[in-house]
Amino acid sequence: MPRLSVNCYFTDNEFSFIEKQDGYNMKKLKYSSVKLPPGTIENGIIYKEERLMKLIKDTFKLFKIKSRRINLIVHEELFTFRKIEVPIIYKPTEIGDYLEAQIGKTIMIPFDDMKMDYIIHKKNEDSYEVIMFYAPRHELKSYVDLFYEMNMQVIKTDIPPLALHRLYYYRKHDDMSVQFETDIMFLAIFDDSYSLYVFDEEIPIFSLVQNLNITELQGEKYLDTLDQEIAKISNYYRFNMNNGDRTIEKLVLFNMSTKLTNEQVHDYFYEEGALMKSEVFDMKTISKIVDTLIDKECYIPLAASLMQPKGFW
């Protein structure tokens, strides 16, 4: 039977959560998002632990959160993923050992101690194309310890791109005819940052996270900036990553900003007959059961609750 868990996601400016059963049961949801005092978290690093712990405790008490189990979505500025070529002479079960042996030799990482995972993207004639994910262990542990001090335990971890992909393809859970798409770009829009991902079916192959001075970028100016970034990354994907042979076919926009409506985003990006199709994610397409008025800021914690039992790390 699925266990009740609290799915938690942090940015530098906000903490969001949803308490629900793991899996696709969408009943009895408790969720909210809370603004963080400036300087509490910066670039994913917790600087004011006691203040953050008090805020979380007070919030969980207010919403009568009961579960002690935490599914943690790793802060976007902590994790990195990159493509690595692994010689075909290694067995799939030996790839992890190969990657660890190459750290500091052919694979340079900007910190000494890390958590690492990987996905085999492709098997070529003489190599595996592997997507390697990694994050600094010390900074990850600070989040785990934070919940431990509250008598809670981090059971699973996830990352935002995989969570959003899982949410977008929610219907695949009930309809196996639903197919993952290639050459698809996701753009997650927040009030003061945005994240851009490119997927080859279910495998993320590109990621970009940008923080903004939102006081200078409001409304259409913000959308103009996003449009320029989409064009730049689309060209990079086509020519630098694929030698002109492939192009972005579809753009999915996840509007988690409180300052832009879905209608504004749709009207700006949708263009009839465009080579790249644009779509604004709508929670109503997910399930008739789920509360379609769920806070947009809680989309990522909701998506994390759909994760498989193993988790990411």
Protein backbone atom coordinates (compact mmCIF):
# COMPACT_ATOMS: atom_id res chain seq x y z
CA MET A 1 0.00 0.00 0.00
CA PRO A 2 1.40 3.47 -0.91
CA ARG A 3 2.85 5.39 2.02
CA LEU A 4 1.97 8.98 2.93
CA SER A 5 4.92 11.31 2.23
CA VAL A 6 5.72 15.01 2.19
CA ASN A 7 7.26 16.10 -1.12
CA CYS A 8 9.45 19.17 -0.58
CA TYR A 9 11.07 21.57 -3.03
CA PHE A 10 13.30 24.54 -2.29
CA THR A 11 14.40 27.47 -4.39
CA ASP A 12 16.43 30.42 -3.11
CA ASN A 13 13.21 32.30 -2.52
CA GLU A 14 10.53 29.75 -1.76
CA PHE A 15 9.67 26.47 -0.06
CA SER A 16 6.81 24.40 -1.50
CA PHE A 17 5.40 21.06 -0.46
CA ILE A 18 2.57 18.60 -0.90
CA GLU A 19 1.57 15.79 1.43
CA LYS A 20 -0.04 12.85 -0.36
CA GLN A 21 0.28 9.14 -0.90
CA ASP A 22 3.15 8.11 -3.16
CA GLY A 23 1.93 7.30 -6.66
CA TYR A 24 -1.09 8.37 -8.66
CA ASN A 25 -3.74 8.68 -5.96
CA MET A 26 -4.79 12.33 -6.06
CA LYS A 27 -7.13 12.43 -3.07
CA LYS A 28 -6.71 14.34 0.21
CA LEU A 29 -3.91 16.64 -0.83
CA LYS A 30 -2.32 19.13 1.55
CA TYR A 31 -0.07 21.65 -0.14
CA SER A 32 1.26 25.17 0.00
CA SER A 33 4.24 27.40 -0.78
CA VAL A 34 5.99 29.84 1.53
CA LYS A 35 8.30 32.72 0.69
CA LEU A 36 11.74 32.51 2.33
CA PRO A 37 13.40 35.50 4.05
CA PRO A 38 16.21 36.88 1.85
CA GLY A 39 19.52 35.15 2.41
CA THR A 40 18.05 31.96 3.90
CA ILE A 41 19.17 29.94 0.85
CA GLU A 42 21.55 31.26 -1.81
CA ASN A 43 22.50 29.29 -4.90
CA GLY A 44 21.07 26.20 -3.24
CA ILE A 45 23.23 26.51 -0.10
CA ILE A 46 21.44 26.84 3.24
CA TYR A 47 22.88 29.78 5.20
CA LYS A 48 20.26 30.28 7.90
CA GLU A 49 19.35 26.79 9.04
CA GLU A 50 17.54 27.68 12.28
CA ARG A 51 15.34 30.26 10.57
CA LEU A 52 14.50 27.80 7.80
CA MET A 53 13.74 25.00 10.27
CA LYS A 54 11.37 27.22 12.26
CA LEU A 55 9.56 28.30 9.10
CA ILE A 56 9.09 24.68 8.00
CA LYS A 57 7.95 23.57 11.47
CA ASP A 58 5.43 26.40 11.71
CA THR A 59 4.12 25.70 8.21
CA PHE A 60 3.74 21.95 8.81
CA LYS A 61 1.97 22.65 12.12
CA LEU A 62 -0.41 25.07 10.39
CA PHE A 63 -1.31 22.50 7.72
CA LYS A 64 -1.39 19.59 10.21
CA ILE A 65 1.23 17.59 8.33
CA LYS A 66 1.43 14.09 9.80
CA SER A 67 3.90 12.15 7.68
CA ARG A 68 7.53 11.84 8.82
CA ARG A 69 8.65 10.66 5.36
CA ILE A 70 10.23 13.21 3.02
CA ASN A 71 10.67 13.05 -0.75
CA LEU A 72 13.25 15.77 -1.45
CA ILE A 73 13.50 17.50 -4.83
CA VAL A 74 17.09 18.69 -5.11
CA HIS A 75 17.60 22.44 -5.54
CA GLU A 76 18.27 23.15 -9.21
CA GLU A 77 21.55 24.94 -8.61
CA LEU A 78 23.04 21.98 -6.77
CA PHE A 79 22.80 19.25 -9.40
CA THR A 80 24.48 19.04 -12.79
CA PHE A 81 24.19 16.54 -15.60
CA ARG A 82 26.48 15.96 -18.53
CA LYS A 83 27.02 13.50 -21.37
CA ILE A 84 29.87 11.00 -20.95
CA GLU A 85 31.16 8.48 -23.49
CA VAL A 86 31.91 5.09 -21.89
CA PRO A 87 33.87 2.48 -23.92
CA ILE A 88 31.73 -0.44 -25.05
CA ILE A 89 34.13 -2.93 -23.43
CA TYR A 90 32.46 -2.18 -20.07
CA LYS A 91 29.28 -4.00 -19.09
CA PRO A 92 26.26 -1.84 -18.17
CA THR A 93 26.69 -2.95 -14.55
CA GLU A 94 30.29 -1.67 -14.61
CA ILE A 95 29.53 1.85 -15.85
CA GLY A 96 29.15 3.32 -12.36
CA ASP A 97 32.58 2.02 -11.34
CA TYR A 98 34.08 3.36 -14.58
CA LEU A 99 32.64 6.84 -13.98
CA GLU A 100 33.93 6.95 -10.41
CA ALA A 101 37.39 5.84 -11.57
CA GLN A 102 37.50 8.67 -14.13
CA ILE A 103 36.69 11.43 -11.63
CA GLY A 104 39.69 13.78 -11.56
CA LYS A 105 41.17 12.18 -14.70
CA THR A 106 38.93 12.53 -17.77
CA ILE A 107 35.89 13.75 -15.78
CA MET A 108 36.56 16.96 -13.86
CA ILE A 109 34.15 17.87 -11.03
CA PRO A 110 34.39 21.22 -9.16
CA PHE A 111 34.07 19.63 -5.71
CA ASP A 112 35.71 16.69 -3.94
CA ASP A 113 32.79 14.74 -2.45
CA MET A 114 29.68 14.10 -4.52
CA LYS A 115 26.56 12.03 -4.96
CA MET A 116 26.37 10.56 -8.44
CA ASP A 117 23.92 8.64 -10.59
CA TYR A 118 23.62 7.99 -14.32
CA ILE A 119 21.29 6.87 -17.11
CA ILE A 120 22.36 5.03 -20.28
CA HIS A 121 21.07 7.20 -23.11
CA LYS A 122 22.32 5.30 -26.16
CA LYS A 123 24.43 2.30 -27.07
CA ASN A 124 26.63 3.03 -30.08
CA GLU A 125 29.00 0.75 -31.97
CA ASP A 126 32.02 1.48 -29.76
CA SER A 127 30.61 3.28 -26.72
CA TYR A 128 27.68 3.95 -24.40
CA GLU A 129 26.36 7.49 -24.31
CA VAL A 130 25.68 8.05 -20.62
CA ILE A 131 24.01 10.98 -18.90
CA MET A 132 25.75 11.48 -15.57
CA PHE A 133 24.05 13.38 -12.72
CA TYR A 134 25.98 14.69 -9.73
CA ALA A 135 25.68 17.09 -6.79
CA PRO A 136 27.90 18.09 -3.84
CA ARG A 137 27.35 15.66 -0.98
CA HIS A 138 27.86 18.25 1.79
CA GLU A 139 25.16 20.61 0.49
CA LEU A 140 22.74 17.73 -0.08
CA LYS A 141 23.40 16.46 3.43
CA SER A 142 22.47 19.86 4.89
CA TYR A 143 18.90 19.36 3.62
CA VAL A 144 18.78 15.79 4.91
CA ASP A 145 20.08 16.90 8.31
CA LEU A 146 17.53 19.73 8.42
CA PHE A 147 14.66 17.27 8.30
CA TYR A 148 16.44 14.82 10.61
CA GLU A 149 16.51 17.55 13.28
CA MET A 150 12.73 17.73 12.87
CA ASN A 151 12.40 13.96 13.43
CA MET A 152 11.69 13.45 9.73
CA GLN A 153 13.58 11.24 7.27
CA VAL A 154 14.45 11.83 3.62
CA ILE A 155 13.38 8.60 1.92
CA LYS A 156 13.86 9.53 -1.74
CA THR A 157 15.39 12.30 -3.80
CA ASP A 158 14.42 13.64 -7.20
CA ILE A 159 15.42 16.44 -9.58
CA PRO A 160 13.04 19.00 -11.18
CA PRO A 161 13.47 18.04 -14.87
CA LEU A 162 12.61 14.39 -14.24
CA ALA A 163 9.71 15.41 -11.98
CA LEU A 164 8.17 17.73 -14.58
CA HIS A 165 8.62 15.15 -17.33
CA ARG A 166 6.79 12.62 -15.14
CA LEU A 167 3.96 15.12 -14.58
CA TYR A 168 3.62 16.01 -18.25
CA TYR A 169 3.35 12.34 -19.24
CA TYR A 170 1.01 11.55 -16.36
CA ARG A 171 -1.51 9.87 -18.67
CA LYS A 172 1.07 7.26 -19.68
CA HIS A 173 0.31 5.69 -16.28
CA ASP A 174 -3.17 4.74 -17.54
CA ASP A 175 -2.60 4.64 -21.30
CA MET A 176 0.50 2.81 -22.50
CA SER A 177 -0.15 4.01 -26.04
CA VAL A 178 1.08 7.45 -24.95
CA GLN A 179 4.61 7.80 -26.32
CA PHE A 180 7.51 9.87 -25.03
CA GLU A 181 8.57 12.46 -27.59
CA THR A 182 12.03 13.29 -28.91
CA ASP A 183 13.37 16.81 -29.48
CA ILE A 184 11.08 18.30 -26.83
CA MET A 185 11.93 21.35 -24.72
CA PHE A 186 10.48 22.14 -21.29
CA LEU A 187 10.58 25.69 -19.93
CA ALA A 188 9.75 26.15 -16.22
CA ILE A 189 8.89 29.79 -15.49
CA PHE A 190 9.17 31.16 -11.94
CA ASP A 191 8.84 34.70 -10.62
CA ASP A 192 12.57 35.34 -10.45
CA SER A 193 14.16 32.50 -12.41
CA TYR A 194 13.57 30.08 -15.23
CA SER A 195 14.79 26.60 -16.09
CA LEU A 196 15.09 25.12 -19.55
CA TYR A 197 15.46 21.42 -20.34
CA VAL A 198 15.70 19.38 -23.53
CA PHE A 199 14.63 15.72 -23.56
CA ASP A 200 15.22 12.81 -25.89
CA GLU A 201 12.16 10.77 -24.92
CA GLU A 202 12.49 10.38 -21.12
CA ILE A 203 16.21 11.25 -20.97
CA PRO A 204 17.21 14.87 -20.14
CA ILE A 205 20.13 15.86 -22.35
CA PHE A 206 20.38 19.61 -21.72
CA SER A 207 19.70 21.90 -18.76
CA LEU A 208 19.95 25.64 -18.11
CA VAL A 209 18.98 27.54 -14.94
CA GLN A 210 18.95 31.35 -14.88
CA ASN A 211 18.21 33.79 -12.06
CA LEU A 212 16.75 37.17 -12.98
CA ASN A 213 16.38 40.68 -11.64
CA ILE A 214 12.61 40.55 -11.87
CA THR A 215 12.19 44.21 -10.94
CA GLU A 216 13.63 45.05 -14.36
CA LEU A 217 11.77 42.28 -16.21
CA GLN A 218 8.01 42.41 -15.90
CA GLY A 219 5.25 41.13 -18.17
CA GLU A 220 6.17 41.16 -21.84
CA LYS A 221 9.80 42.09 -21.13
CA TYR A 222 10.15 38.84 -19.19
CA LEU A 223 8.49 36.91 -22.02
CA ASP A 224 10.82 38.60 -24.53
CA THR A 225 13.80 37.36 -22.51
CA LEU A 226 12.41 33.83 -22.45
CA ASP A 227 11.77 33.91 -26.19
CA GLN A 228 15.37 34.95 -26.88
CA GLU A 229 16.66 32.15 -24.64
CA ILE A 230 14.47 29.57 -26.38
CA ALA A 231 15.78 30.66 -29.78
CA LYS A 232 19.39 30.57 -28.59
CA ILE A 233 19.13 27.11 -27.04
CA SER A 234 17.15 25.77 -30.00
CA ASN A 235 19.97 26.82 -32.32
CA TYR A 236 22.57 25.35 -29.98
CA TYR A 237 20.66 22.06 -29.87
CA ARG A 238 20.32 21.92 -33.65
CA PHE A 239 23.79 22.93 -34.75
CA ASN A 240 26.16 22.30 -31.82
CA MET A 241 24.60 19.14 -30.43
CA ASN A 242 23.20 17.59 -33.62
CA ASN A 243 25.17 19.04 -36.57
CA GLY A 244 21.99 20.45 -38.10
CA ASP A 245 20.29 17.05 -38.30
CA ARG A 246 17.71 17.54 -35.52
CA THR A 247 15.69 20.45 -34.23
CA ILE A 248 13.36 21.18 -31.33
CA GLU A 249 9.90 20.05 -32.41
CA LYS A 250 7.86 20.99 -29.34
CA LEU A 251 8.00 23.51 -26.51
CA VAL A 252 6.11 22.89 -23.26
CA LEU A 253 5.83 25.87 -20.91
CA PHE A 254 5.24 25.27 -17.19
CA ASN A 255 4.05 28.60 -15.84
CA MET A 256 4.82 28.60 -12.10
CA SER A 257 5.05 32.38 -11.90
CA THR A 258 2.51 34.30 -9.84
CA LYS A 259 2.95 37.32 -12.11
CA LEU A 260 2.02 35.72 -15.43
CA THR A 261 -1.23 33.99 -16.35
CA ASN A 262 -1.34 30.91 -18.56
CA GLU A 263 -3.33 32.99 -21.05
CA GLN A 264 -0.54 35.58 -21.26
CA VAL A 265 2.08 32.89 -21.84
CA HIS A 266 -0.08 31.12 -24.44
CA ASP A 267 -0.89 34.30 -26.36
CA TYR A 268 2.77 35.27 -26.50
CA PHE A 269 4.25 31.93 -27.60
CA TYR A 270 1.50 30.23 -29.59
CA GLU A 271 1.79 30.67 -33.35
CA GLU A 272 -0.46 28.83 -35.78
CA GLY A 273 1.54 26.68 -38.21
CA ALA A 274 4.90 27.26 -36.47
CA LEU A 275 7.60 24.63 -37.04
CA MET A 276 8.02 24.31 -33.28
CA LYS A 277 4.69 23.60 -31.57
CA SER A 278 4.09 25.48 -28.30
CA GLU A 279 1.93 24.29 -25.44
CA VAL A 280 1.25 25.73 -21.98
CA PHE A 281 0.94 22.94 -19.41
CA ASP A 282 -2.56 22.81 -17.91
CA MET A 283 -3.25 20.78 -14.79
CA LYS A 284 -6.74 20.03 -16.12
CA THR A 285 -5.18 17.71 -18.71
CA ILE A 286 -3.70 15.56 -15.94
CA SER A 287 -6.62 14.13 -14.02
CA LYS A 288 -10.29 14.74 -13.31
CA ILE A 289 -9.58 13.95 -9.67
CA VAL A 290 -6.70 16.28 -8.93
CA ASP A 291 -7.55 19.72 -7.62
CA THR A 292 -7.11 21.86 -10.73
CA LEU A 293 -6.76 24.92 -8.51
CA ILE A 294 -3.57 23.57 -6.93
CA ASP A 295 -0.98 26.29 -6.49
CA LYS A 296 1.25 26.52 -9.53
CA GLU A 297 4.25 26.71 -7.22
CA CYS A 298 3.40 23.18 -6.05
CA TYR A 299 3.58 21.49 -9.45
CA ILE A 300 7.11 20.16 -8.85
CA PRO A 301 6.34 18.64 -5.40
CA LEU A 302 3.23 17.07 -6.92
CA ALA A 303 5.32 15.63 -9.75
CA ALA A 304 7.85 14.20 -7.29
CA SER A 305 5.10 12.23 -5.56
CA LEU A 306 4.66 10.20 -8.77
CA MET A 307 8.21 8.88 -8.51
CA GLN A 308 9.07 5.19 -8.54
CA PRO A 309 10.00 3.63 -5.16
CA LYS A 310 13.79 3.75 -5.75
CA GLY A 311 14.01 7.49 -6.16
CA PHE A 312 16.90 9.20 -7.90
CA TRP A 313 19.90 8.98 -5.57
